[in-house]
Structure formats: structure tokens, C-alpha cells
N, C-alpha and C. Protein backbone atom coordinates (compact mmCIF):
# COMPACT_ATOMS: atom_id res chain seq x y z
N MET A 1 18.48 248.83 -32.84
CA MET A 1 18.50 249.28 -34.22
C MET A 1 17.18 250.02 -34.46
N GLU A 2 17.19 251.14 -35.03
CA GLU A 2 15.91 251.88 -35.37
C GLU A 2 15.48 251.62 -36.72
N ASP A 3 14.14 251.65 -36.87
CA ASP A 3 13.43 251.51 -38.19
C ASP A 3 13.71 252.81 -38.94
N THR A 4 14.49 252.63 -40.14
CA THR A 4 14.91 253.95 -40.69
C THR A 4 13.74 254.66 -41.31
N SER A 5 12.63 253.96 -41.72
CA SER A 5 11.49 254.58 -42.35
C SER A 5 10.66 255.41 -41.36
N THR A 6 10.69 255.09 -40.15
CA THR A 6 9.87 255.89 -39.05
C THR A 6 10.64 256.54 -38.05
N GLY A 7 12.01 256.10 -37.85
CA GLY A 7 12.83 256.71 -36.88
C GLY A 7 12.42 256.11 -35.52
N THR A 8 11.68 255.03 -35.47
CA THR A 8 11.33 254.41 -34.17
C THR A 8 11.97 253.10 -34.01
N PRO A 9 12.21 252.66 -32.83
CA PRO A 9 12.90 251.29 -32.72
C PRO A 9 11.90 250.18 -33.09
N PRO A 10 12.46 249.05 -33.53
CA PRO A 10 11.59 247.88 -33.83
C PRO A 10 10.67 247.63 -32.62
N ALA A 11 9.49 247.15 -32.94
CA ALA A 11 8.43 246.94 -31.93
C ALA A 11 8.99 246.08 -30.70
N GLY A 12 9.76 245.02 -30.97
CA GLY A 12 10.23 244.19 -30.10
C GLY A 12 11.14 244.70 -29.04
N GLU A 13 11.64 245.88 -29.44
CA GLU A 13 12.58 246.57 -28.43
C GLU A 13 11.96 247.74 -27.62
N MET A 14 10.66 247.88 -27.68
CA MET A 14 10.01 249.02 -27.04
C MET A 14 9.45 248.57 -25.72
N GLY A 15 9.48 249.61 -24.92
CA GLY A 15 8.77 249.43 -23.60
C GLY A 15 7.30 249.69 -23.82
N TYR A 16 6.52 249.23 -22.79
CA TYR A 16 5.04 249.23 -22.84
C TYR A 16 4.48 250.70 -23.23
N GLU A 17 4.91 251.61 -22.56
CA GLU A 17 4.30 252.97 -22.76
C GLU A 17 4.69 253.52 -24.21
N GLN A 18 5.91 253.20 -24.73
CA GLN A 18 6.32 253.82 -26.01
C GLN A 18 5.49 253.02 -26.99
N ALA A 19 5.23 251.65 -26.82
CA ALA A 19 4.53 250.85 -27.89
C ALA A 19 2.97 251.33 -27.81
N ARG A 20 2.47 251.62 -26.58
CA ARG A 20 1.11 252.08 -26.41
C ARG A 20 0.88 253.47 -27.07
N ASP A 21 1.70 254.35 -26.87
CA ASP A 21 1.72 255.56 -27.43
C ASP A 21 1.70 255.62 -28.91
N GLU A 22 2.64 254.84 -29.53
CA GLU A 22 2.69 254.78 -30.92
C GLU A 22 1.37 254.05 -31.56
N LEU A 23 0.90 253.07 -30.77
CA LEU A 23 -0.28 252.24 -31.23
C LEU A 23 -1.53 253.32 -31.23
N VAL A 24 -1.60 254.21 -30.29
CA VAL A 24 -2.64 255.15 -30.31
C VAL A 24 -2.42 256.10 -31.46
N ALA A 25 -1.30 256.47 -31.86
CA ALA A 25 -0.97 257.39 -33.00
C ALA A 25 -1.40 256.58 -34.31
N VAL A 26 -1.09 255.35 -34.38
CA VAL A 26 -1.37 254.53 -35.58
C VAL A 26 -2.88 254.49 -35.69
N VAL A 27 -3.69 254.16 -34.65
CA VAL A 27 -5.12 254.09 -34.65
C VAL A 27 -5.70 255.44 -35.13
N ARG A 28 -5.23 256.53 -34.65
CA ARG A 28 -5.71 257.91 -35.00
C ARG A 28 -5.59 258.08 -36.51
N ARG A 29 -4.33 257.78 -37.01
CA ARG A 29 -4.05 257.96 -38.38
C ARG A 29 -5.00 256.98 -39.27
N LEU A 30 -5.25 255.86 -38.88
CA LEU A 30 -6.16 254.94 -39.57
C LEU A 30 -7.61 255.47 -39.56
N GLU A 31 -8.06 255.96 -38.34
CA GLU A 31 -9.42 256.46 -38.19
C GLU A 31 -9.65 257.81 -39.03
N ALA A 32 -8.56 258.51 -39.15
CA ALA A 32 -8.64 259.81 -39.89
C ALA A 32 -8.82 259.62 -41.33
N GLY A 33 -8.41 258.46 -41.85
CA GLY A 33 -8.52 258.20 -43.27
C GLY A 33 -7.54 259.04 -44.08
N GLY A 34 -7.72 259.05 -45.39
CA GLY A 34 -6.75 259.80 -46.30
C GLY A 34 -5.57 259.05 -46.66
N SER A 35 -5.27 257.89 -46.08
CA SER A 35 -4.08 257.22 -46.50
C SER A 35 -4.39 256.28 -47.70
N THR A 36 -3.35 256.11 -48.51
CA THR A 36 -3.43 255.09 -49.59
C THR A 36 -3.78 253.71 -48.99
N LEU A 37 -4.14 252.84 -49.77
CA LEU A 37 -4.34 251.38 -49.44
C LEU A 37 -3.08 250.89 -48.86
N GLU A 38 -1.92 250.99 -49.57
CA GLU A 38 -0.61 250.53 -49.16
C GLU A 38 -0.25 251.19 -47.83
N GLU A 39 -0.45 252.40 -47.67
CA GLU A 39 -0.11 253.05 -46.36
C GLU A 39 -0.96 252.50 -45.26
N SER A 40 -2.18 252.31 -45.62
CA SER A 40 -3.19 251.83 -44.52
C SER A 40 -2.75 250.43 -44.07
N LEU A 41 -2.37 249.72 -45.09
CA LEU A 41 -2.01 248.18 -44.79
C LEU A 41 -0.63 248.26 -43.91
N ALA A 42 0.21 249.16 -44.20
CA ALA A 42 1.54 249.27 -43.34
C ALA A 42 1.17 249.67 -42.09
N LEU A 43 0.26 250.63 -41.83
CA LEU A 43 -0.17 251.08 -40.63
C LEU A 43 -0.90 249.89 -39.72
N TRP A 44 -1.58 249.25 -40.47
CA TRP A 44 -2.42 248.14 -39.71
C TRP A 44 -1.28 247.15 -39.19
N GLU A 45 -0.43 246.78 -40.10
CA GLU A 45 0.64 245.77 -39.72
C GLU A 45 1.46 246.32 -38.49
N ARG A 46 1.79 247.61 -38.57
CA ARG A 46 2.53 248.04 -37.47
C ARG A 46 1.76 248.19 -36.18
N GLY A 47 0.40 248.43 -36.33
CA GLY A 47 -0.50 248.40 -35.13
C GLY A 47 -0.50 247.05 -34.55
N GLU A 48 -0.63 245.98 -35.41
CA GLU A 48 -0.60 244.58 -34.81
C GLU A 48 0.72 244.23 -34.08
N GLU A 49 1.83 244.66 -34.63
CA GLU A 49 3.11 244.49 -33.96
C GLU A 49 3.07 245.26 -32.67
N LEU A 50 2.57 246.50 -32.60
CA LEU A 50 2.61 247.15 -31.38
C LEU A 50 1.67 246.60 -30.38
N ALA A 51 0.52 246.10 -30.73
CA ALA A 51 -0.43 245.49 -29.92
C ALA A 51 0.12 244.21 -29.41
N ALA A 52 0.90 243.45 -30.07
CA ALA A 52 1.46 242.23 -29.49
C ALA A 52 2.48 242.62 -28.48
N VAL A 53 3.22 243.74 -28.66
CA VAL A 53 4.27 244.07 -27.74
C VAL A 53 3.60 244.53 -26.46
N CYS A 54 2.46 245.29 -26.55
CA CYS A 54 1.72 245.78 -25.36
C CYS A 54 1.22 244.40 -24.63
N ARG A 55 0.63 243.52 -25.39
CA ARG A 55 0.10 242.22 -24.73
C ARG A 55 1.11 241.41 -24.06
N ARG A 56 2.31 241.38 -24.63
CA ARG A 56 3.42 240.69 -23.92
C ARG A 56 3.81 241.47 -22.63
N TRP A 57 3.98 242.72 -22.60
CA TRP A 57 4.19 243.35 -21.39
C TRP A 57 3.15 243.28 -20.43
N LEU A 58 1.89 243.35 -20.72
CA LEU A 58 0.78 243.11 -19.74
C LEU A 58 0.75 241.67 -19.23
N GLU A 59 0.93 240.71 -20.07
CA GLU A 59 1.06 239.28 -19.67
C GLU A 59 2.16 239.08 -18.61
N GLY A 60 3.37 239.75 -18.90
CA GLY A 60 4.45 239.70 -18.02
C GLY A 60 4.07 240.24 -16.63
N ALA A 61 3.43 241.42 -16.72
CA ALA A 61 3.13 242.06 -15.52
C ALA A 61 2.04 241.20 -14.69
N ARG A 62 1.19 240.60 -15.34
CA ARG A 62 0.14 239.69 -14.74
C ARG A 62 0.86 238.53 -14.12
N ALA A 63 1.87 237.90 -14.87
CA ALA A 63 2.63 236.88 -14.22
C ALA A 63 3.33 237.26 -13.02
N ARG A 64 3.95 238.43 -12.97
CA ARG A 64 4.74 238.79 -11.84
C ARG A 64 3.71 239.14 -10.64
N LEU A 65 2.64 239.68 -10.90
CA LEU A 65 1.66 239.88 -9.82
C LEU A 65 1.12 238.59 -9.32
N ASP A 66 0.82 237.63 -10.16
CA ASP A 66 0.36 236.32 -9.70
C ASP A 66 1.40 235.61 -8.93
N ALA A 67 2.67 235.74 -9.34
CA ALA A 67 3.80 235.04 -8.49
C ALA A 67 3.78 235.81 -7.13
N VAL A 68 3.88 237.04 -6.96
CA VAL A 68 3.69 237.66 -5.62
C VAL A 68 2.67 237.30 -4.83
N LEU A 69 1.46 237.24 -5.49
CA LEU A 69 0.17 236.73 -4.75
C LEU A 69 0.40 235.39 -4.28
N ALA A 70 0.84 234.61 -5.15
CA ALA A 70 1.08 233.13 -4.76
C ALA A 70 2.06 232.97 -3.58
N GLU A 71 3.05 233.78 -3.50
CA GLU A 71 4.05 233.77 -2.39
C GLU A 71 3.31 234.19 -1.11
N ASP A 72 2.38 235.17 -1.31
CA ASP A 72 1.63 235.65 -0.14
C ASP A 72 0.57 234.75 0.27
N GLY A 73 0.24 233.64 -0.43
CA GLY A 73 -0.81 232.66 -0.15
C GLY A 73 -2.03 233.22 -0.63
N GLU A 74 -2.18 234.14 -1.45
CA GLU A 74 -3.50 234.58 -1.90
C GLU A 74 -4.00 233.92 -3.23
N GLY A 75 -3.02 233.13 -3.93
CA GLY A 75 -3.39 232.46 -5.10
C GLY A 75 -3.37 233.39 -6.32
N PRO A 76 -3.40 232.97 -7.51
CA PRO A 76 -3.46 233.64 -8.72
C PRO A 76 -4.72 234.50 -8.93
N SER A 77 -4.54 235.65 -9.67
CA SER A 77 -5.81 236.43 -9.90
C SER A 77 -6.69 235.64 -10.82
N ASP A 78 -7.96 236.01 -10.69
CA ASP A 78 -9.18 235.44 -11.42
C ASP A 78 -9.37 236.35 -12.72
N ASP A 79 -9.05 235.81 -13.94
CA ASP A 79 -9.12 236.50 -15.15
C ASP A 79 -10.66 236.75 -15.55
N THR A 80 -11.54 236.00 -14.91
CA THR A 80 -12.92 236.15 -15.18
C THR A 80 -13.61 237.36 -14.66
N GLY A 81 -13.03 237.80 -13.57
CA GLY A 81 -13.72 238.84 -12.87
C GLY A 81 -14.77 238.40 -11.90
N ALA A 82 -15.14 237.00 -11.96
CA ALA A 82 -16.27 236.51 -11.15
C ALA A 82 -15.79 236.47 -9.68
N ALA A 83 -16.78 236.59 -8.78
CA ALA A 83 -16.45 236.50 -7.41
C ALA A 83 -16.19 235.04 -6.99
N ASP A 84 -15.29 234.82 -6.03
CA ASP A 84 -15.08 233.53 -5.54
C ASP A 84 -16.28 233.06 -4.73
N GLY A 85 -16.40 231.87 -4.74
CA GLY A 85 -17.43 231.22 -3.82
C GLY A 85 -18.38 230.27 -4.60
N PRO A 86 -19.31 229.64 -3.85
CA PRO A 86 -20.22 228.73 -4.48
C PRO A 86 -21.12 229.41 -5.46
N GLU A 87 -21.53 228.68 -6.53
CA GLU A 87 -22.55 229.05 -7.44
C GLU A 87 -23.90 228.92 -7.10
């Protein structure tokens, strides 16, 4: 079902790229200014929804990669970016 006010699907039904692209557009509109307070709040809320969609897609991708690496015996990825080994 599409959001009749914007013509875009609800955030929960979007793919990663679609949510990311709309999020970029929302950020640009907020940065450009000129919107009323109510419009800015609506944009902010939509941006939060879109960011959550992107986060879920990325977390799912991370989980899939970790599962494949675990099957290959390499273990899950290190989120800290620190090198393995003694300190």
C-alpha cells in the first residue's frame, strides 16, 4: 500500500536502495531549509523511519555474512575494526 501523501510505499515495505535514496532526499530538503516547522517535523519523522529501514537491511546483511563466515570456519566479523591478536 502506498502512502497517498507522498506516492511512496510505507518505509517497512522498501528495499535498502529505495529507503536510502529517499533518506538522502529528506536530508537535502531539511538542510535546504525553507520548510515550515510542521513540514520539517514530518520530514524528520520520515527520515527516522527510513534510517531504521536501512539499519535493518544492513543488520540483516551483516548477519548473513557472519553466518557464511562461521560456516567457513572464519568466525563472525569484528564490529570494532580492531586487529585480532594479543594486546
